[in-house]
PDB file of all heavy atoms in Angstrom:
ATOM      1  N   SER A   1      93.573 102.712  95.627  1.00  0.00           N
ATOM      2  CA  SER A   1      94.742 102.585  94.769  1.00  0.00           C
ATOM      3  C   SER A   1      95.423 101.242  94.964  1.00  0.00           C
ATOM      4  O   SER A   1      95.177 100.520  95.932  1.00  0.00           O
ATOM      5  CB  SER A   1      95.736 103.705  95.070  1.00  0.00           C
ATOM      6  OG  SER A   1      96.375 103.458  96.305  1.00  0.00           O
ATOM      7  N   SER A   2      96.311 100.935  94.028  1.00  0.00           N
ATOM      8  CA  SER A   2      97.072  99.695  94.107  1.00  0.00           C
ATOM      9  C   SER A   2      98.321  99.848  94.959  1.00  0.00           C
ATOM     10  O   SER A   2      98.844  98.871  95.481  1.00  0.00           O
ATOM     11  CB  SER A   2      97.494  99.257  92.707  1.00  0.00           C
ATOM     12  OG  SER A   2      98.335 100.241  92.115  1.00  0.00           O
ATOM     13  N   SER A   3      98.782 101.069  95.110  1.00  0.00           N
ATOM     14  CA  SER A   3     100.106 101.276  95.710  1.00  0.00           C
ATOM     15  C   SER A   3     100.054 101.606  97.190  1.00  0.00           C
ATOM     16  O   SER A   3     100.453 100.802  98.025  1.00  0.00           O
ATOM     17  CB  SER A   3     100.821 102.392  94.942  1.00  0.00           C
ATOM     18  OG  SER A   3     100.013 103.564  94.913  1.00  0.00           O
ATOM     19  N   ASP A   4      99.524 102.779  97.505  1.00  0.00           N
ATOM     20  CA  ASP A   4      99.598 103.253  98.883  1.00  0.00           C
ATOM     21  C   ASP A   4      98.275 103.137  99.643  1.00  0.00           C
ATOM     22  O   ASP A   4      98.186 103.611 100.770  1.00  0.00           O
ATOM     23  CB  ASP A   4     100.071 104.715  98.911  1.00  0.00           C
ATOM     24  CG  ASP A   4      99.156 105.651  98.147  1.00  0.00           C
ATOM     25  OD1 ASP A   4      98.123 105.181  97.629  1.00  0.00           O
ATOM     26  OD2 ASP A   4      99.485 106.850  98.061  1.00  0.00           O
ATOM     27  N   GLY A   5      97.278 102.525  99.025  1.00  0.00           N
ATOM     28  CA  GLY A   5      96.007 102.348  99.706  1.00  0.00           C
ATOM     29  C   GLY A   5      95.174 103.598  99.801  1.00  0.00           C
ATOM     30  O   GLY A   5      94.180 103.626 100.539  1.00  0.00           O
ATOM     31  N   SER A   6      95.555 104.626  99.053  1.00  0.00           N
ATOM     32  CA  SER A   6      94.758 105.845  99.086  1.00  0.00           C
ATOM     33  C   SER A   6      93.373 105.576  98.520  1.00  0.00           C
ATOM     34  O   SER A   6      93.197 104.676  97.682  1.00  0.00           O
ATOM     35  CB  SER A   6      95.450 106.965  98.307  1.00  0.00           C
ATOM     36  OG  SER A   6      95.679 106.578  96.963  1.00  0.00           O
ATOM     37  N   THR A   7      92.412 106.346  99.001  1.00  0.00           N
ATOM     38  CA  THR A   7      91.022 106.103  98.633  1.00  0.00           C
ATOM     39  C   THR A   7      90.352 107.363  98.116  1.00  0.00           C
ATOM     40  O   THR A   7      90.830 108.482  98.338  1.00  0.00           O
ATOM     41  CB  THR A   7      90.228 105.577  99.841  1.00  0.00           C
ATOM     42  OG1 THR A   7      90.344 106.518 100.920  1.00  0.00           O
ATOM     43  CG2 THR A   7      90.759 104.227 100.303  1.00  0.00           C
ATOM     44  N   TYR A   8      89.257 107.157  97.446  1.00  0.00           N
ATOM     45  CA  TYR A   8      88.449 108.250  96.904  1.00  0.00           C
ATOM     46  C   TYR A   8      86.995 107.878  97.115  1.00  0.00           C
ATOM     47  O   TYR A   8      86.606 106.718  96.921  1.00  0.00           O
ATOM     48  CB  TYR A   8      88.749 108.423  95.410  1.00  0.00           C
ATOM     49  CG  TYR A   8      87.909 109.473  94.723  1.00  0.00           C
ATOM     50  CD1 TYR A   8      88.373 110.776  94.595  1.00  0.00           C
ATOM     51  CD2 TYR A   8      86.649 109.172  94.205  1.00  0.00           C
ATOM     52  CE1 TYR A   8      87.610 111.744  93.954  1.00  0.00           C
ATOM     53  CE2 TYR A   8      85.881 110.129  93.579  1.00  0.00           C
ATOM     54  CZ  TYR A   8      86.363 111.413  93.456  1.00  0.00           C
ATOM     55  OH  TYR A   8      85.604 112.379  92.835  1.00  0.00           O
ATOM     56  N   TYR A   9      86.208 108.870  97.529  1.00  0.00           N
ATOM     57  CA  TYR A   9      84.789 108.635  97.749  1.00  0.00           C
ATOM     58  C   TYR A   9      83.972 109.716  97.054  1.00  0.00           C
ATOM     59  O   TYR A   9      84.336 110.891  97.089  1.00  0.00           O
ATOM     60  CB  TYR A   9      84.450 108.634  99.242  1.00  0.00           C
ATOM     61  CG  TYR A   9      85.084 107.512 100.018  1.00  0.00           C
ATOM     62  CD1 TYR A   9      86.310 107.682 100.643  1.00  0.00           C
ATOM     63  CD2 TYR A   9      84.451 106.278 100.111  1.00  0.00           C
ATOM     64  CE1 TYR A   9      86.891 106.645 101.345  1.00  0.00           C
ATOM     65  CE2 TYR A   9      85.027 105.233 100.819  1.00  0.00           C
ATOM     66  CZ  TYR A   9      86.255 105.426 101.439  1.00  0.00           C
ATOM     67  OH  TYR A   9      86.833 104.390 102.123  1.00  0.00           O
ATOM     68  N   ALA A  10      82.869 109.310  96.478  1.00  0.00           N
ATOM     69  CA  ALA A  10      81.921 110.293  95.970  1.00  0.00           C
ATOM     70  C   ALA A  10      81.332 111.052  97.157  1.00  0.00           C
ATOM     71  O   ALA A  10      81.196 110.494  98.248  1.00  0.00           O
ATOM     72  CB  ALA A  10      80.815 109.593  95.188  1.00  0.00           C
ATOM     73  N   ASP A  11      81.000 112.315  96.941  1.00  0.00           N
ATOM     74  CA  ASP A  11      80.468 113.129  98.033  1.00  0.00           C
ATOM     75  C   ASP A  11      79.222 112.497  98.658  1.00  0.00           C
ATOM     76  O   ASP A  11      78.997 112.621  99.860  1.00  0.00           O
ATOM     77  CB  ASP A  11      80.123 114.524  97.511  1.00  0.00           C
ATOM     78  CG  ASP A  11      81.357 115.352  97.216  1.00  0.00           C
ATOM     79  OD1 ASP A  11      82.449 115.004  97.706  1.00  0.00           O
ATOM     80  OD2 ASP A  11      81.241 116.349  96.491  1.00  0.00           O
ATOM     81  N   SER A  12      78.449 111.821  97.858  1.00  0.00           N
ATOM     82  CA  SER A  12      77.186 111.266  98.336  1.00  0.00           C
ATOM     83  C   SER A  12      77.365 110.120  99.331  1.00  0.00           C
ATOM     84  O   SER A  12      76.415 109.755 100.034  1.00  0.00           O
ATOM     85  CB  SER A  12      76.346 110.772  97.153  1.00  0.00           C
ATOM     86  OG  SER A  12      77.070 109.804  96.408  1.00  0.00           O
ATOM     87  N   VAL A  13      78.574 109.550  99.393  1.00  0.00           N
ATOM     88  CA  VAL A  13      78.781 108.406 100.292  1.00  0.00           C
ATOM     89  C   VAL A  13      79.859 108.653 101.337  1.00  0.00           C
ATOM     90  O   VAL A  13      80.106 107.794 102.190  1.00  0.00           O
ATOM     91  CB  VAL A  13      79.135 107.136  99.499  1.00  0.00           C
ATOM     92  CG1 VAL A  13      78.074 106.852  98.447  1.00  0.00           C
ATOM     93  CG2 VAL A  13      80.516 107.220  98.872  1.00  0.00           C
ATOM     94  N   LYS A  14      80.483 109.820 101.301  1.00  0.00           N
ATOM     95  CA  LYS A  14      81.544 110.121 102.276  1.00  0.00           C
ATOM     96  C   LYS A  14      81.009 110.032 103.695  1.00  0.00           C
ATOM     97  O   LYS A  14      79.933 110.527 104.000  1.00  0.00           O
ATOM     98  CB  LYS A  14      82.103 111.520 102.025  1.00  0.00           C
ATOM     99  CG  LYS A  14      83.107 111.602 100.901  1.00  0.00           C
ATOM    100  CD  LYS A  14      83.629 113.014 100.728  1.00  0.00           C
ATOM    101  CE  LYS A  14      84.610 113.101  99.575  1.00  0.00           C
ATOM    102  NZ  LYS A  14      85.077 114.491  99.351  1.00  0.00           N
ATOM    103  N   GLY A  15      81.782 109.375 104.552  1.00  0.00           N
ATOM    104  CA  GLY A  15      81.377 109.220 105.935  1.00  0.00           C
ATOM    105  C   GLY A  15      80.459 108.042 106.181  1.00  0.00           C
ATOM    106  O   GLY A  15      80.209 107.675 107.334  1.00  0.00           O
ATOM    107  N   ARG A  16      79.967 107.434 105.111  1.00  0.00           N
ATOM    108  CA  ARG A  16      79.054 106.285 105.262  1.00  0.00           C
ATOM    109  C   ARG A  16      79.656 105.001 104.691  1.00  0.00           C
ATOM    110  O   ARG A  16      79.414 103.920 105.234  1.00  0.00           O
ATOM    111  CB  ARG A  16      77.726 106.571 104.564  1.00  0.00           C
ATOM    112  CG  ARG A  16      76.997 107.781 105.083  1.00  0.00           C
ATOM    113  CD  ARG A  16      75.599 107.896 104.470  1.00  0.00           C
ATOM    114  NE  ARG A  16      75.600 108.045 103.034  1.00  0.00           N
ATOM    115  CZ  ARG A  16      74.975 107.230 102.189  1.00  0.00           C
ATOM    116  NH1 ARG A  16      74.303 106.189 102.648  1.00  0.00           N
ATOM    117  NH2 ARG A  16      75.020 107.455 100.878  1.00  0.00           N
ATOM    118  N   PHE A  17      80.400 105.112 103.622  1.00  0.00           N
ATOM    119  CA  PHE A  17      80.983 103.938 102.966  1.00  0.00           C
ATOM    120  C   PHE A  17      82.480 103.893 103.217  1.00  0.00           C
ATOM    121  O   PHE A  17      83.142 104.934 103.303  1.00  0.00           O
ATOM    122  CB  PHE A  17      80.740 103.989 101.458  1.00  0.00           C
ATOM    123  CG  PHE A  17      79.311 103.811 101.016  1.00  0.00           C
ATOM    124  CD1 PHE A  17      78.257 103.810 101.917  1.00  0.00           C
ATOM    125  CD2 PHE A  17      79.021 103.641  99.676  1.00  0.00           C
ATOM    126  CE1 PHE A  17      76.950 103.657 101.512  1.00  0.00           C
ATOM    127  CE2 PHE A  17      77.712 103.487  99.226  1.00  0.00           C
ATOM    128  CZ  PHE A  17      76.678 103.494 100.158  1.00  0.00           C
ATOM    129  N   THR A  18      83.012 102.678 103.309  1.00  0.00           N
ATOM    130  CA  THR A  18      84.450 102.483 103.463  1.00  0.00           C
ATOM    131  C   THR A  18      84.917 101.380 102.527  1.00  0.00           C
ATOM    132  O   THR A  18      84.368 100.264 102.549  1.00  0.00           O
ATOM    133  CB  THR A  18      84.805 102.093 104.904  1.00  0.00           C
ATOM    134  OG1 THR A  18      84.335 103.101 105.803  1.00  0.00           O
ATOM    135  CG2 THR A  18      86.316 101.947 105.054  1.00  0.00           C
ATOM    136  N   ILE A  19      85.911 101.694 101.718  1.00  0.00           N
ATOM    137  CA  ILE A  19      86.483 100.697 100.812  1.00  0.00           C
ATOM    138  C   ILE A  19      87.768 100.151 101.423  1.00  0.00           C
ATOM    139  O   ILE A  19      88.506 100.877 102.075  1.00  0.00           O
ATOM    140  CB  ILE A  19      86.748 101.308  99.417  1.00  0.00           C
ATOM    141  CG1 ILE A  19      87.099 100.224  98.404  1.00  0.00           C
ATOM    142  CG2 ILE A  19      87.830 102.385  99.472  1.00  0.00           C
ATOM    143  CD1 ILE A  19      87.152 100.732  96.960  1.00  0.00           C
ATOM    144  N   SER A  20      87.995  98.870 101.223  1.00  0.00           N
ATOM    145  CA  SER A  20      89.221  98.254 101.730  1.00  0.00           C
ATOM    146  C   SER A  20      89.599  97.091 100.806  1.00  0.00           C
ATOM    147  O   SER A  20      88.780  96.618 100.032  1.00  0.00           O
ATOM    148  CB  SER A  20      89.034  97.749 103.165  1.00  0.00           C
ATOM    149  OG  SER A  20      88.024  96.752 103.214  1.00  0.00           O
ATOM    150  N   ARG A  21      90.845  96.693 100.911  1.00  0.00           N
ATOM    151  CA  ARG A  21      91.271  95.576 100.082  1.00  0.00           C
ATOM    152  C   ARG A  21      92.046  94.579 100.919  1.00  0.00           C
ATOM    153  O   ARG A  21      92.767  94.954 101.846  1.00  0.00           O
ATOM    154  CB  ARG A  21      92.110  96.057  98.898  1.00  0.00           C
ATOM    155  CG  ARG A  21      93.397  96.789  99.237  1.00  0.00           C
ATOM    156  CD  ARG A  21      93.983  97.491  98.006  1.00  0.00           C
ATOM    157  NE  ARG A  21      94.222  96.575  96.909  1.00  0.00           N
ATOM    158  CZ  ARG A  21      94.309  96.926  95.638  1.00  0.00           C
ATOM    159  NH1 ARG A  21      94.158  98.184  95.297  1.00  0.00           N
ATOM    160  NH2 ARG A  21      94.532  96.037  94.698  1.00  0.00           N
ATOM    161  N   ASP A  22      91.909  93.314 100.605  1.00  0.00           N
ATOM    162  CA  ASP A  22      92.647  92.234 101.241  1.00  0.00           C
ATOM    163  C   ASP A  22      93.357  91.499 100.113  1.00  0.00           C
ATOM    164  O   ASP A  22      92.777  90.616  99.464  1.00  0.00           O
ATOM    165  CB  ASP A  22      91.690  91.308 101.993  1.00  0.00           C
ATOM    166  CG  ASP A  22      92.420  90.232 102.797  1.00  0.00           C
ATOM    167  OD1 ASP A  22      93.577  89.927 102.442  1.00  0.00           O
ATOM    168  OD2 ASP A  22      91.828  89.723 103.746  1.00  0.00           O
ATOM    169  N   ASN A  23      94.601  91.881  99.871  1.00  0.00           N
ATOM    170  CA  ASN A  23      95.338  91.290  98.758  1.00  0.00           C
ATOM    171  C   ASN A  23      95.557  89.793  98.947  1.00  0.00           C
ATOM    172  O   ASN A  23      95.629  89.047  97.970  1.00  0.00           O
ATOM    173  CB  ASN A  23      96.669  92.008  98.576  1.00  0.00           C
ATOM    174  CG  ASN A  23      96.483  93.411  98.012  1.00  0.00           C
ATOM    175  OD1 ASN A  23      95.433  93.743  97.456  1.00  0.00           O
ATOM    176  ND2 ASN A  23      97.498  94.238  98.157  1.00  0.00           N
ATOM    177  N   ALA A  24      95.653  89.358 100.187  1.00  0.00           N
ATOM    178  CA  ALA A  24      95.843  87.924 100.434  1.00  0.00           C
ATOM    179  C   ALA A  24      94.642  87.124  99.951  1.00  0.00           C
ATOM    180  O   ALA A  24      94.779  85.980  99.503  1.00  0.00           O
ATOM    181  CB  ALA A  24      96.082  87.686 101.912  1.00  0.00           C
ATOM    182  N   LYS A  25      93.469  87.739 100.037  1.00  0.00           N
ATOM    183  CA  LYS A  25      92.247  87.066  99.584  1.00  0.00           C
ATOM    184  C   LYS A  25      91.856  87.498  98.179  1.00  0.00           C
ATOM    185  O   LYS A  25      90.830  87.054  97.661  1.00  0.00           O
ATOM    186  CB  LYS A  25      91.098  87.346 100.547  1.00  0.00           C
ATOM    187  CG  LYS A  25      91.301  86.762 101.930  1.00  0.00           C
ATOM    188  CD  LYS A  25      90.089  87.007 102.817  1.00  0.00           C
ATOM    189  CE  LYS A  25      90.282  86.371 104.190  1.00  0.00           C
ATOM    190  NZ  LYS A  25      89.113  86.595 105.084  1.00  0.00           N
ATOM    191  N   ASN A  26      92.661  88.385  97.599  1.00  0.00           N
ATOM    192  CA  ASN A  26      92.375  88.869  96.244  1.00  0.00           C
ATOM    193  C   ASN A  26      90.964  89.447  96.151  1.00  0.00           C
ATOM    194  O   ASN A  26      90.240  89.218  95.164  1.00  0.00           O
ATOM    195  CB  ASN A  26      92.554  87.752  95.219  1.00  0.00           C
ATOM    196  CG  ASN A  26      93.205  88.230  93.932  1.00  0.00           C
ATOM    197  OD1 ASN A  26      93.909  89.241  93.906  1.00  0.00           O
ATOM    198  ND2 ASN A  26      92.957  87.509  92.851  1.00  0.00           N
ATOM    199  N   THR A  27      90.609  90.213  97.177  1.00  0.00           N
ATOM    200  CA  THR A  27      89.238  90.711  97.300  1.00  0.00           C
ATOM    201  C   THR A  27      89.249  92.161  97.772  1.00  0.00           C
ATOM    202  O   THR A  27      90.092  92.549  98.588  1.00  0.00           O
ATOM    203  CB  THR A  27      88.439  89.845  98.281  1.00  0.00           C
ATOM    204  OG1 THR A  27      88.422  88.481  97.806  1.00  0.00           O
ATOM    205  CG2 THR A  27      87.006  90.338  98.412  1.00  0.00           C
ATOM    206  N   VAL A  28      88.307  92.924  97.256  1.00  0.00           N
ATOM    207  CA  VAL A  28      88.084  94.293  97.709  1.00  0.00           C
ATOM    208  C   VAL A  28      86.673  94.366  98.275  1.00  0.00           C
ATOM    209  O   VAL A  28      85.744  93.745  97.733  1.00  0.00           O
ATOM    210  CB  VAL A  28      88.265  95.285  96.557  1.00  0.00           C
ATOM    211  CG1 VAL A  28      87.853  96.690  96.971  1.00  0.00           C
ATOM    212  CG2 VAL A  28      89.709  95.295  96.086  1.00  0.00           C
ATOM    213  N   TYR A  29      86.517  95.126  99.340  1.00  0.00           N
ATOM    214  CA  TYR A  29      85.245  95.230 100.031  1.00  0.00           C
ATOM    215  C   TYR A  29      84.719  96.665  99.992  1.00  0.00           C
ATOM    216  O   TYR A  29      85.491  97.624  99.905  1.00  0.00           O
ATOM    217  CB  TYR A  29      85.392  94.804 101.494  1.00  0.00           C
ATOM    218  CG  TYR A  29      85.944  93.419 101.669  1.00  0.00           C
ATOM    219  CD1 TYR A  29      87.300  93.216 101.933  1.00  0.00           C
ATOM    220  CD2 TYR A  29      85.128  92.303 101.560  1.00  0.00           C
ATOM    221  CE1 TYR A  29      87.817  91.940 102.091  1.00  0.00           C
ATOM    222  CE2 TYR A  29      85.631  91.019 101.715  1.00  0.00           C
ATOM    223  CZ  TYR A  29      86.980  90.843 101.986  1.00  0.00           C
ATOM    224  OH  TYR A  29      87.483  89.573 102.132  1.00  0.00           O
ATOM    225  N   LEU A  30      83.416  96.776 100.105  1.00  0.00           N
ATOM    226  CA  LEU A  30      82.786  98.076 100.289  1.00  0.00           C
ATOM    227  C   LEU A  30      81.816  97.945 101.451  1.00  0.00           C
ATOM    228  O   LEU A  30      80.773  97.288 101.327  1.00  0.00           O
ATOM    229  CB  LEU A  30      82.050  98.530  99.025  1.00  0.00           C
ATOM    230  CG  LEU A  30      81.448  99.933  99.104  1.00  0.00           C
ATOM    231  CD1 LEU A  30      82.566 100.994  99.160  1.00  0.00           C
ATOM    232  CD2 LEU A  30      80.535 100.210  97.907  1.00  0.00           C
ATOM    233  N   GLN A  31      82.205  98.516 102.588  1.00  0.00           N
ATOM    234  CA  GLN A  31      81.333  98.529 103.760  1.00  0.00           C
ATOM    235  C   GLN A  31      80.413  99.726 103.642  1.00  0.00           C
ATOM    236  O   GLN A  31      80.887 100.868 103.554  1.00  0.00           O
ATOM    237  CB  GLN A  31      82.167  98.620 105.042  1.00  0.00           C
ATOM    238  CG  GLN A  31      81.333  98.699 106.299  1.00  0.00           C
ATOM    239  CD  GLN A  31      80.573  97.416 106.584  1.00  0.00           C
ATOM    240  OE1 GLN A  31      81.112  96.321 106.427  1.00  0.00           O
ATOM    241  NE2 GLN A  31      79.324  97.538 106.994  1.00  0.00           N
ATOM    242  N   MET A  32      79.128  99.466 103.633  1.00  0.00           N
ATOM    243  CA  MET A  32      78.136 100.517 103.445  1.00  0.00           C
ATOM    244  C   MET A  32      77.293 100.624 104.711  1.00  0.00           C
ATOM    245  O   MET A  32      76.583  99.670 105.069  1.00  0.00           O
ATOM    246  CB  MET A  32      77.262 100.212 102.234  1.00  0.00           C
ATOM    247  CG  MET A  32      78.040  99.977 100.942  1.00  0.00           C
ATOM    248  SD  MET A  32      76.995  99.836  99.491  1.00  0.00           S
ATOM    249  CE  MET A  32      76.051  98.390  99.912  1.00  0.00           C
ATOM    250  N   ASN A  33      77.388 101.748 105.381  1.00  0.00           N
ATOM    251  CA  ASN A  33      76.629 102.007 106.599  1.00  0.00           C
ATOM    252  C   ASN A  33      75.643 103.143 106.367  1.00  0.00           C
ATOM    253  O   ASN A  33      75.766 103.895 105.400  1.00  0.00           O
ATOM    254  CB  ASN A  33      77.568 102.355 107.746  1.00  0.00           C
ATOM    255  CG  ASN A  33      78.530 101.237 108.081  1.00  0.00           C
ATOM    256  OD1 ASN A  33      78.210 100.055 107.944  1.00  0.00           O
ATOM    257  ND2 ASN A  33      79.728 101.607 108.526  1.00  0.00           N
ATOM    258  N   SER A  34      74.704 103.278 107.275  1.00  0.00           N
ATOM    259  CA  SER A  34      73.714 104.359 107.194  1.00  0.00           C
ATOM    260  C   SER A  34      73.091 104.437 105.801  1.00  0.00           C
ATOM    261  O   SER A  34      72.987 105.525 105.213  1.00  0.00           O
ATOM    262  CB  SER A  34      74.367 105.695 107.568  1.00  0.00           C
ATOM    263  OG  SER A  34      74.922 105.633 108.855  1.00  0.00           O
ATOM    264  N   LEU A  35      72.684 103.310 105.313  1.00  0.00           N
ATOM    265  CA  LEU A  35      72.167 103.261 103.948  1.00  0.00           C
ATOM    266  C   LEU A  35      70.869 104.034 103.805  1.00  0.00           C
ATOM    267  O   LEU A  35      70.043 104.095 104.740  1.00  0.00           O
ATOM    268  CB  LEU A  35      71.966 101.806 103.520  1.00  0.00           C
ATOM    269  CG  LEU A  35      73.263 101.090 103.113  1.00  0.00           C
ATOM    270  CD1 LEU A  35      73.088  99.590 103.131  1.00  0.00           C
ATOM    271  CD2 LEU A  35      73.729 101.562 101.748  1.00  0.00           C
TER     272      LEU A  35
END
């Protein structure tokens, strides 16, 4: 989300992927583990 940083994950990636945002860099990341 834009406001409180809440996140949503598809069931297929829960526990493996992590989304984050760095507003200072104007960038959003998706860390994908256990691919």
